[in-house]
């Protein structure tokens, strides 16, 4: 989950992490941040995940970005979903 102030696609979004080891070292999370190829993979991980942090992401999206929740396939279908192209290596 990333803050996206000023984005037309919502202020809180599910996005891939560009540098997972940095986040792991900095935040000391109780899980390993996965290295993903695209935001679409992040959407699938959040949509299909059942761990407490996945469920927290569902609740946060429901509150702060229901359109994104619909885009990832958990809420009401969004009117428009941003294209999420695979990242370039």
PDB file of N, CA and C in Angstrom:
ATOM      1  N   UNK A   1       0.862  -1.158   0.000  1.00  0.00           N
ATOM      2  CA  UNK A   1       0.000   0.000   0.000  1.00  0.00           C
ATOM      3  C   UNK A   1       0.906   1.217   0.000  1.00  0.00           C
ATOM      4  N   UNK A   2       0.570   2.159  -0.863  1.00  0.00           N
ATOM      5  CA  UNK A   2       1.366   3.378  -0.976  1.00  0.00           C
ATOM      6  C   UNK A   2       0.455   4.588  -0.982  1.00  0.00           C
ATOM      7  N   UNK A   3       0.883   5.655  -0.287  1.00  0.00           N
ATOM      8  CA  UNK A   3       0.121   6.902  -0.404  1.00  0.00           C
ATOM      9  C   UNK A   3       0.345   7.468  -1.798  1.00  0.00           C
ATOM     10  N   UNK A   4      -0.687   8.035  -2.371  1.00  0.00           N
ATOM     11  CA  UNK A   4      -0.601   8.595  -3.719  1.00  0.00           C
ATOM     12  C   UNK A   4      -1.329   9.933  -3.754  1.00  0.00           C
ATOM     13  N   UNK A   5      -0.888  10.850  -2.903  1.00  0.00           N
ATOM     14  CA  UNK A   5      -1.520  12.167  -2.834  1.00  0.00           C
ATOM     15  C   UNK A   5      -1.540  12.830  -4.206  1.00  0.00           C
ATOM     16  N   UNK A   6      -2.686  13.345  -4.571  1.00  0.00           N
ATOM     17  CA  UNK A   6      -2.826  14.040  -5.849  1.00  0.00           C
ATOM     18  C   UNK A   6      -3.140  13.152  -7.034  1.00  0.00           C
ATOM     19  N   UNK A   7      -3.131  11.842  -6.848  1.00  0.00           N
ATOM     20  CA  UNK A   7      -3.428  10.933  -7.947  1.00  0.00           C
ATOM     21  C   UNK A   7      -4.922  10.950  -8.246  1.00  0.00           C
ATOM     22  N   UNK A   8      -5.268  10.861  -9.506  1.00  0.00           N
ATOM     23  CA  UNK A   8      -6.672  10.770  -9.891  1.00  0.00           C
ATOM     24  C   UNK A   8      -7.220   9.361  -9.637  1.00  0.00           C
ATOM     25  N   UNK A   9      -6.345   8.427  -9.254  1.00  0.00           N
ATOM     26  CA  UNK A   9      -6.755   7.040  -9.002  1.00  0.00           C
ATOM     27  C   UNK A   9      -6.815   6.722  -7.516  1.00  0.00           C
ATOM     28  N   UNK A  10      -6.904   7.744  -6.663  1.00  0.00           N
ATOM     29  CA  UNK A  10      -7.066   7.522  -5.234  1.00  0.00           C
ATOM     30  C   UNK A  10      -5.825   7.826  -4.429  1.00  0.00           C
ATOM     31  N   UNK A  11      -6.046   8.154  -3.149  1.00  0.00           N
ATOM     32  CA  UNK A  11      -4.942   8.583  -2.289  1.00  0.00           C
ATOM     33  C   UNK A  11      -4.174   7.415  -1.671  1.00  0.00           C
ATOM     34  N   UNK A  12      -4.704   6.210  -1.749  1.00  0.00           N
ATOM     35  CA  UNK A  12      -4.033   5.021  -1.233  1.00  0.00           C
ATOM     36  C   UNK A  12      -4.153   3.943  -2.297  1.00  0.00           C
ATOM     37  N   UNK A  13      -3.011   3.385  -2.698  1.00  0.00           N
ATOM     38  CA  UNK A  13      -3.020   2.432  -3.803  1.00  0.00           C
ATOM     39  C   UNK A  13      -2.160   1.215  -3.483  1.00  0.00           C
ATOM     40  N   UNK A  14      -2.519   0.105  -4.100  1.00  0.00           N
ATOM     41  CA  UNK A  14      -1.693  -1.099  -4.032  1.00  0.00           C
ATOM     42  C   UNK A  14      -0.696  -1.010  -5.177  1.00  0.00           C
ATOM     43  N   UNK A  15       0.576  -1.033  -4.820  1.00  0.00           N
ATOM     44  CA  UNK A  15       1.644  -0.950  -5.818  1.00  0.00           C
ATOM     45  C   UNK A  15       2.760  -1.908  -5.434  1.00  0.00           C
ATOM     46  N   UNK A  16       3.513  -2.334  -6.421  1.00  0.00           N
ATOM     47  CA  UNK A  16       4.679  -3.161  -6.133  1.00  0.00           C
ATOM     48  C   UNK A  16       5.709  -2.294  -5.418  1.00  0.00           C
ATOM     49  N   UNK A  17       6.560  -2.903  -4.638  1.00  0.00           N
ATOM     50  CA  UNK A  17       7.639  -2.197  -3.948  1.00  0.00           C
ATOM     51  C   UNK A  17       8.869  -2.258  -4.837  1.00  0.00           C
ATOM     52  N   UNK A  18       9.446  -1.093  -5.126  1.00  0.00           N
ATOM     53  CA  UNK A  18      10.607  -1.045  -6.016  1.00  0.00           C
ATOM     54  C   UNK A  18      11.860  -1.666  -5.400  1.00  0.00           C
ATOM     55  N   UNK A  19      12.028  -1.550  -4.078  1.00  0.00           N
ATOM     56  CA  UNK A  19      13.225  -2.058  -3.412  1.00  0.00           C
ATOM     57  C   UNK A  19      12.826  -2.824  -2.146  1.00  0.00           C
ATOM     58  N   UNK A  20      12.338  -4.070  -2.300  1.00  0.00           N
ATOM     59  CA  UNK A  20      11.882  -4.831  -1.136  1.00  0.00           C
ATOM     60  C   UNK A  20      12.920  -4.972  -0.014  1.00  0.00           C
ATOM     61  N   UNK A  21      14.202  -5.256  -0.324  1.00  0.00           N
ATOM     62  CA  UNK A  21      15.163  -5.380   0.781  1.00  0.00           C
ATOM     63  C   UNK A  21      15.289  -4.097   1.613  1.00  0.00           C
ATOM     64  N   UNK A  22      15.183  -2.945   0.972  1.00  0.00           N
ATOM     65  CA  UNK A  22      15.254  -1.680   1.707  1.00  0.00           C
ATOM     66  C   UNK A  22      14.075  -1.557   2.669  1.00  0.00           C
ATOM     67  N   UNK A  23      12.895  -1.901   2.212  1.00  0.00           N
ATOM     68  CA  UNK A  23      11.705  -1.835   3.073  1.00  0.00           C
ATOM     69  C   UNK A  23      11.845  -2.833   4.225  1.00  0.00           C
ATOM     70  N   UNK A  24      12.329  -4.045   3.925  1.00  0.00           N
ATOM     71  CA  UNK A  24      12.518  -5.048   4.974  1.00  0.00           C
ATOM     72  C   UNK A  24      13.472  -4.529   6.050  1.00  0.00           C
ATOM     73  N   UNK A  25      14.598  -3.923   5.628  1.00  0.00           N
ATOM     74  CA  UNK A  25      15.582  -3.402   6.593  1.00  0.00           C
ATOM     75  C   UNK A  25      15.039  -2.204   7.360  1.00  0.00           C
ATOM     76  N   UNK A  26      14.328  -1.327   6.677  1.00  0.00           N
ATOM     77  CA  UNK A  26      13.866  -0.080   7.278  1.00  0.00           C
ATOM     78  C   UNK A  26      12.713  -0.279   8.240  1.00  0.00           C
ATOM     79  N   UNK A  27      11.745  -1.086   7.861  1.00  0.00           N
ATOM     80  CA  UNK A  27      10.510  -1.195   8.632  1.00  0.00           C
ATOM     81  C   UNK A  27      10.466  -2.376   9.583  1.00  0.00           C
ATOM     82  N   UNK A  28      11.254  -3.406   9.346  1.00  0.00           N
ATOM     83  CA  UNK A  28      11.233  -4.566  10.218  1.00  0.00           C
ATOM     84  C   UNK A  28       9.862  -5.211  10.316  1.00  0.00           C
ATOM     85  N   UNK A  29       9.218  -5.401   9.176  1.00  0.00           N
ATOM     86  CA  UNK A  29       7.870  -5.978   9.140  1.00  0.00           C
ATOM     87  C   UNK A  29       7.895  -7.453   9.525  1.00  0.00           C
ATOM     88  N   UNK A  30       6.768  -7.981  10.005  1.00  0.00           N
ATOM     89  CA  UNK A  30       6.720  -9.390  10.397  1.00  0.00           C
ATOM     90  C   UNK A  30       6.545 -10.341   9.209  1.00  0.00           C
ATOM     91  N   UNK A  31       6.813  -9.861   8.007  1.00  0.00           N
ATOM     92  CA  UNK A  31       6.757 -10.675   6.796  1.00  0.00           C
ATOM     93  C   UNK A  31       7.788 -10.121   5.825  1.00  0.00           C
ATOM     94  N   UNK A  32       8.171 -10.914   4.850  1.00  0.00           N
ATOM     95  CA  UNK A  32       9.128 -10.464   3.841  1.00  0.00           C
ATOM     96  C   UNK A  32       8.374  -9.802   2.701  1.00  0.00           C
ATOM     97  N   UNK A  33       8.808  -8.612   2.331  1.00  0.00           N
ATOM     98  CA  UNK A  33       8.177  -7.900   1.218  1.00  0.00           C
ATOM     99  C   UNK A  33       8.592  -8.603  -0.080  1.00  0.00           C
ATOM    100  N   UNK A  34       7.614  -9.046  -0.877  1.00  0.00           N
ATOM    101  CA  UNK A  34       7.961  -9.789  -2.090  1.00  0.00           C
ATOM    102  C   UNK A  34       8.476  -8.884  -3.206  1.00  0.00           C
ATOM    103  N   UNK A  35       9.362  -9.439  -4.012  1.00  0.00           N
ATOM    104  CA  UNK A  35       9.842  -8.757  -5.214  1.00  0.00           C
ATOM    105  C   UNK A  35       8.872  -9.125  -6.339  1.00  0.00           C
ATOM    106  N   UNK A  36       8.135  -8.144  -6.821  1.00  0.00           N
ATOM    107  CA  UNK A  36       7.129  -8.370  -7.854  1.00  0.00           C
ATOM    108  C   UNK A  36       7.520  -7.649  -9.131  1.00  0.00           C
ATOM    109  N   UNK A  37       7.044  -8.137 -10.255  1.00  0.00           N
ATOM    110  CA  UNK A  37       7.372  -7.542 -11.543  1.00  0.00           C
ATOM    111  C   UNK A  37       6.481  -6.368 -11.911  1.00  0.00           C
ATOM    112  N   UNK A  38       5.287  -6.279 -11.288  1.00  0.00           N
ATOM    113  CA  UNK A  38       4.350  -5.238 -11.705  1.00  0.00           C
ATOM    114  C   UNK A  38       3.343  -4.929 -10.599  1.00  0.00           C
ATOM    115  N   UNK A  39       2.641  -3.817 -10.764  1.00  0.00           N
ATOM    116  CA  UNK A  39       1.547  -3.481  -9.861  1.00  0.00           C
ATOM    117  C   UNK A  39       0.428  -4.512  -9.980  1.00  0.00           C
ATOM    118  N   UNK A  40       0.230  -5.071 -11.164  1.00  0.00           N
ATOM    119  CA  UNK A  40      -0.802  -6.099 -11.342  1.00  0.00           C
ATOM    120  C   UNK A  40      -0.537  -7.308 -10.454  1.00  0.00           C
ATOM    121  N   UNK A  41       0.721  -7.676 -10.301  1.00  0.00           N
ATOM    122  CA  UNK A  41       1.067  -8.775  -9.395  1.00  0.00           C
ATOM    123  C   UNK A  41       0.755  -8.395  -7.953  1.00  0.00           C
ATOM    124  N   UNK A  42       0.986  -7.137  -7.601  1.00  0.00           N
ATOM    125  CA  UNK A  42       0.658  -6.665  -6.252  1.00  0.00           C
ATOM    126  C   UNK A  42      -0.852  -6.738  -6.033  1.00  0.00           C
ATOM    127  N   UNK A  43      -1.628  -6.354  -7.036  1.00  0.00           N
ATOM    128  CA  UNK A  43      -3.092  -6.439  -6.938  1.00  0.00           C
ATOM    129  C   UNK A  43      -3.502  -7.885  -6.649  1.00  0.00           C
ATOM    130  N   UNK A  44      -2.944  -8.828  -7.403  1.00  0.00           N
ATOM    131  CA  UNK A  44      -3.306 -10.240  -7.237  1.00  0.00           C
ATOM    132  C   UNK A  44      -2.918 -10.735  -5.845  1.00  0.00           C
ATOM    133  N   UNK A  45      -1.758 -10.319  -5.362  1.00  0.00           N
ATOM    134  CA  UNK A  45      -1.306 -10.738  -4.043  1.00  0.00           C
ATOM    135  C   UNK A  45      -2.248 -10.231  -2.956  1.00  0.00           C
ATOM    136  N   UNK A  46      -2.647  -8.977  -3.040  1.00  0.00           N
ATOM    137  CA  UNK A  46      -3.575  -8.411  -2.054  1.00  0.00           C
ATOM    138  C   UNK A  46      -4.961  -9.038  -2.208  1.00  0.00           C
ATOM    139  N   UNK A  47      -5.406  -9.209  -3.441  1.00  0.00           N
ATOM    140  CA  UNK A  47      -6.744  -9.783  -3.678  1.00  0.00           C
ATOM    141  C   UNK A  47      -6.853 -11.199  -3.124  1.00  0.00           C
ATOM    142  N   UNK A  48      -5.832 -12.015  -3.357  1.00  0.00           N
ATOM    143  CA  UNK A  48      -5.899 -13.431  -3.017  1.00  0.00           C
ATOM    144  C   UNK A  48      -5.335 -13.756  -1.634  1.00  0.00           C
ATOM    145  N   UNK A  49      -4.664 -12.803  -1.010  1.00  0.00           N
ATOM    146  CA  UNK A  49      -4.026 -13.059   0.275  1.00  0.00           C
ATOM    147  C   UNK A  49      -5.017 -13.173   1.421  1.00  0.00           C
ATOM    148  N   UNK A  50      -4.664 -13.980   2.407  1.00  0.00           N
ATOM    149  CA  UNK A  50      -5.529 -14.182   3.569  1.00  0.00           C
ATOM    150  C   UNK A  50      -4.824 -13.862   4.890  1.00  0.00           C
ATOM    151  N   UNK A  51      -3.574 -13.426   4.821  1.00  0.00           N
ATOM    152  CA  UNK A  51      -2.829 -13.076   6.039  1.00  0.00           C
ATOM    153  C   UNK A  51      -3.410 -11.782   6.623  1.00  0.00           C
ATOM    154  N   UNK A  52      -3.155 -11.522   7.894  1.00  0.00           N
ATOM    155  CA  UNK A  52      -3.700 -10.309   8.519  1.00  0.00           C
ATOM    156  C   UNK A  52      -3.366  -9.019   7.768  1.00  0.00           C
ATOM    157  N   UNK A  53      -2.156  -8.919   7.202  1.00  0.00           N
ATOM    158  CA  UNK A  53      -1.812  -7.692   6.480  1.00  0.00           C
ATOM    159  C   UNK A  53      -2.580  -7.575   5.166  1.00  0.00           C
ATOM    160  N   UNK A  54      -2.955  -8.687   4.553  1.00  0.00           N
ATOM    161  CA  UNK A  54      -3.792  -8.631   3.350  1.00  0.00           C
ATOM    162  C   UNK A  54      -5.195  -8.149   3.717  1.00  0.00           C
ATOM    163  N   UNK A  55      -5.728  -8.682   4.802  1.00  0.00           N
ATOM    164  CA  UNK A  55      -7.068  -8.286   5.243  1.00  0.00           C
ATOM    165  C   UNK A  55      -7.099  -6.830   5.676  1.00  0.00           C
ATOM    166  N   UNK A  56      -6.000  -6.363   6.269  1.00  0.00           N
ATOM    167  CA  UNK A  56      -5.907  -4.942   6.625  1.00  0.00           C
ATOM    168  C   UNK A  56      -5.904  -4.083   5.358  1.00  0.00           C
ATOM    169  N   UNK A  57      -5.210  -4.543   4.319  1.00  0.00           N
ATOM    170  CA  UNK A  57      -5.197  -3.810   3.045  1.00  0.00           C
ATOM    171  C   UNK A  57      -6.604  -3.734   2.461  1.00  0.00           C
ATOM    172  N   UNK A  58      -7.367  -4.826   2.550  1.00  0.00           N
ATOM    173  CA  UNK A  58      -8.746  -4.822   2.049  1.00  0.00           C
ATOM    174  C   UNK A  58      -9.563  -3.754   2.778  1.00  0.00           C
ATOM    175  N   UNK A  59      -9.425  -3.709   4.102  1.00  0.00           N
ATOM    176  CA  UNK A  59     -10.186  -2.743   4.902  1.00  0.00           C
ATOM    177  C   UNK A  59      -9.765  -1.308   4.596  1.00  0.00           C
ATOM    178  N   UNK A  60      -8.476  -1.076   4.454  1.00  0.00           N
ATOM    179  CA  UNK A  60      -7.990   0.276   4.141  1.00  0.00           C
ATOM    180  C   UNK A  60      -8.486   0.735   2.770  1.00  0.00           C
ATOM    181  N   UNK A  61      -8.442  -0.167   1.795  1.00  0.00           N
ATOM    182  CA  UNK A  61      -8.938   0.201   0.459  1.00  0.00           C
ATOM    183  C   UNK A  61     -10.437   0.471   0.496  1.00  0.00           C
ATOM    184  N   UNK A  62     -11.173  -0.326   1.239  1.00  0.00           N
ATOM    185  CA  UNK A  62     -12.620  -0.109   1.335  1.00  0.00           C
ATOM    186  C   UNK A  62     -12.913   1.286   1.874  1.00  0.00           C
ATOM    187  N   UNK A  63     -12.100   1.754   2.794  1.00  0.00           N
ATOM    188  CA  UNK A  63     -12.307   3.064   3.400  1.00  0.00           C
ATOM    189  C   UNK A  63     -11.776   4.207   2.543  1.00  0.00           C
ATOM    190  N   UNK A  64     -10.565   4.041   1.999  1.00  0.00           N
ATOM    191  CA  UNK A  64      -9.875   5.167   1.370  1.00  0.00           C
ATOM    192  C   UNK A  64      -9.797   5.123  -0.156  1.00  0.00           C
ATOM    193  N   UNK A  65     -10.046   3.966  -0.773  1.00  0.00           N
ATOM    194  CA  UNK A  65     -10.001   3.880  -2.227  1.00  0.00           C
ATOM    195  C   UNK A  65     -10.853   2.711  -2.714  1.00  0.00           C
ATOM    196  N   UNK A  66     -12.181   2.822  -2.552  1.00  0.00           N
ATOM    197  CA  UNK A  66     -13.043   1.719  -2.976  1.00  0.00           C
ATOM    198  C   UNK A  66     -12.951   1.422  -4.469  1.00  0.00           C
ATOM    199  N   UNK A  67     -12.607   2.409  -5.283  1.00  0.00           N
ATOM    200  CA  UNK A  67     -12.449   2.146  -6.723  1.00  0.00           C
ATOM    201  C   UNK A  67     -11.306   1.167  -6.955  1.00  0.00           C
ATOM    202  N   UNK A  68     -10.189   1.339  -6.247  1.00  0.00           N
ATOM    203  CA  UNK A  68      -9.056   0.421  -6.398  1.00  0.00           C
ATOM    204  C   UNK A  68      -9.443  -0.974  -5.897  1.00  0.00           C
ATOM    205  N   UNK A  69     -10.213  -1.035  -4.830  1.00  0.00           N
ATOM    206  CA  UNK A  69     -10.687  -2.322  -4.335  1.00  0.00           C
ATOM    207  C   UNK A  69     -11.472  -3.037  -5.437  1.00  0.00           C
ATOM    208  N   UNK A  70     -12.295  -2.287  -6.165  1.00  0.00           N
ATOM    209  CA  UNK A  70     -13.032  -2.870  -7.289  1.00  0.00           C
ATOM    210  C   UNK A  70     -12.110  -3.288  -8.419  1.00  0.00           C
ATOM    211  N   UNK A  71     -11.083  -2.486  -8.673  1.00  0.00           N
ATOM    212  CA  UNK A  71     -10.144  -2.812  -9.746  1.00  0.00           C
ATOM    213  C   UNK A  71      -9.416  -4.124  -9.481  1.00  0.00           C
ATOM    214  N   UNK A  72      -9.076  -4.367  -8.219  1.00  0.00           N
ATOM    215  CA  UNK A  72      -8.354  -5.605  -7.932  1.00  0.00           C
ATOM    216  C   UNK A  72      -9.287  -6.803  -7.803  1.00  0.00           C
ATOM    217  N   UNK A  73     -10.593  -6.541  -7.842  1.00  0.00           N
ATOM    218  CA  UNK A  73     -11.552  -7.638  -7.885  1.00  0.00           C
ATOM    219  C   UNK A  73     -12.212  -7.986  -6.566  1.00  0.00           C
ATOM    220  N   UNK A  74     -12.235  -7.053  -5.602  1.00  0.00           N
ATOM    221  CA  UNK A  74     -12.839  -7.352  -4.305  1.00  0.00           C
ATOM    222  C   UNK A  74     -14.069  -6.530  -3.996  1.00  0.00           C
ATOM    223  N   UNK A  75     -14.247  -5.427  -4.646  1.00  0.00           N
ATOM    224  CA  UNK A  75     -15.383  -4.570  -4.346  1.00  0.00           C
ATOM    225  C   UNK A  75     -16.258  -4.404  -5.565  1.00  0.00           C
ATOM    226  N   UNK A  76     -17.108  -3.398  -5.493  1.00  0.00           N
ATOM    227  CA  UNK A  76     -17.939  -3.067  -6.642  1.00  0.00           C
ATOM    228  C   UNK A  76     -17.037  -2.692  -7.807  1.00  0.00           C
ATOM    229  N   UNK A  77     -17.377  -3.098  -9.006  1.00  0.00           N
ATOM    230  CA  UNK A  77     -16.531  -2.761 -10.158  1.00  0.00           C
ATOM    231  C   UNK A  77     -16.329  -1.252 -10.267  1.00  0.00           C
ATOM    232  N   UNK A  78     -15.096  -0.873 -10.488  1.00  0.00           N
ATOM    233  CA  UNK A  78     -14.768   0.538 -10.640  1.00  0.00           C
ATOM    234  C   UNK A  78     -15.166   1.008 -12.026  1.00  0.00           C
ATOM    235  N   UNK A  79     -15.462   2.296 -12.142  1.00  0.00           N
ATOM    236  CA  UNK A  79     -15.815   2.867 -13.438  1.00  0.00           C
ATOM    237  C   UNK A  79     -14.628   2.768 -14.381  1.00  0.00           C
ATOM    238  N   UNK A  80     -13.470   3.145 -13.893  1.00  0.00           N
ATOM    239  CA  UNK A  80     -12.245   3.018 -14.681  1.00  0.00           C
ATOM    240  C   UNK A  80     -11.122   2.518 -13.777  1.00  0.00           C
ATOM    241  N   UNK A  81     -10.313   1.651 -14.295  1.00  0.00           N
ATOM    242  CA  UNK A  81      -9.161   1.164 -13.574  1.00  0.00           C
ATOM    243  C   UNK A  81      -7.913   1.601 -14.325  1.00  0.00           C
ATOM    244  N   UNK A  82      -6.907   2.100 -13.592  1.00  0.00           N
ATOM    245  CA  UNK A  82      -5.678   2.500 -14.274  1.00  0.00           C
ATOM    246  C   UNK A  82      -4.989   1.289 -14.875  1.00  0.00           C
ATOM    247  N   UNK A  83      -4.400   1.484 -16.027  1.00  0.00           N
ATOM    248  CA  UNK A  83      -3.624   0.410 -16.658  1.00  0.00           C
ATOM    249  C   UNK A  83      -2.388   0.171 -15.811  1.00  0.00           C
ATOM    250  N   UNK A  84      -2.089  -1.060 -15.566  1.00  0.00           N
ATOM    251  CA  UNK A  84      -0.906  -1.425 -14.769  1.00  0.00           C
ATOM    252  C   UNK A  84      -0.017  -2.291 -15.644  1.00  0.00           C
ATOM    253  N   UNK A  85       0.877  -1.654 -16.362  1.00  0.00           N
ATOM    254  CA  UNK A  85       1.793  -2.374 -17.248  1.00  0.00           C
ATOM    255  C   UNK A  85       2.926  -2.982 -16.436  1.00  0.00           C
ATOM    256  N   UNK A  86       3.490  -4.088 -16.904  1.00  0.00           N
ATOM    257  CA  UNK A  86       4.647  -4.648 -16.220  1.00  0.00           C
ATOM    258  C   UNK A  86       5.792  -3.628 -16.170  1.00  0.00           C
ATOM    259  N   UNK A  87       6.522  -3.652 -15.086  1.00  0.00           N
ATOM    260  CA  UNK A  87       7.649  -2.741 -14.946  1.00  0.00           C
ATOM    261  C   UNK A  87       8.784  -3.168 -15.859  1.00  0.00           C
ATOM    262  N   UNK A  88       9.545  -2.207 -16.290  1.00  0.00           N
ATOM    263  CA  UNK A  88      10.714  -2.502 -17.112  1.00  0.00           C
ATOM    264  C   UNK A  88      11.885  -2.850 -16.211  1.00  0.00           C
ATOM    265  N   UNK A  89      12.667  -3.882 -16.579  1.00  0.00           N
ATOM    266  CA  UNK A  89      13.828  -4.260 -15.747  1.00  0.00           C
ATOM    267  C   UNK A  89      14.893  -3.179 -15.760  1.00  0.00           C
TER     268      UNK A  89
END
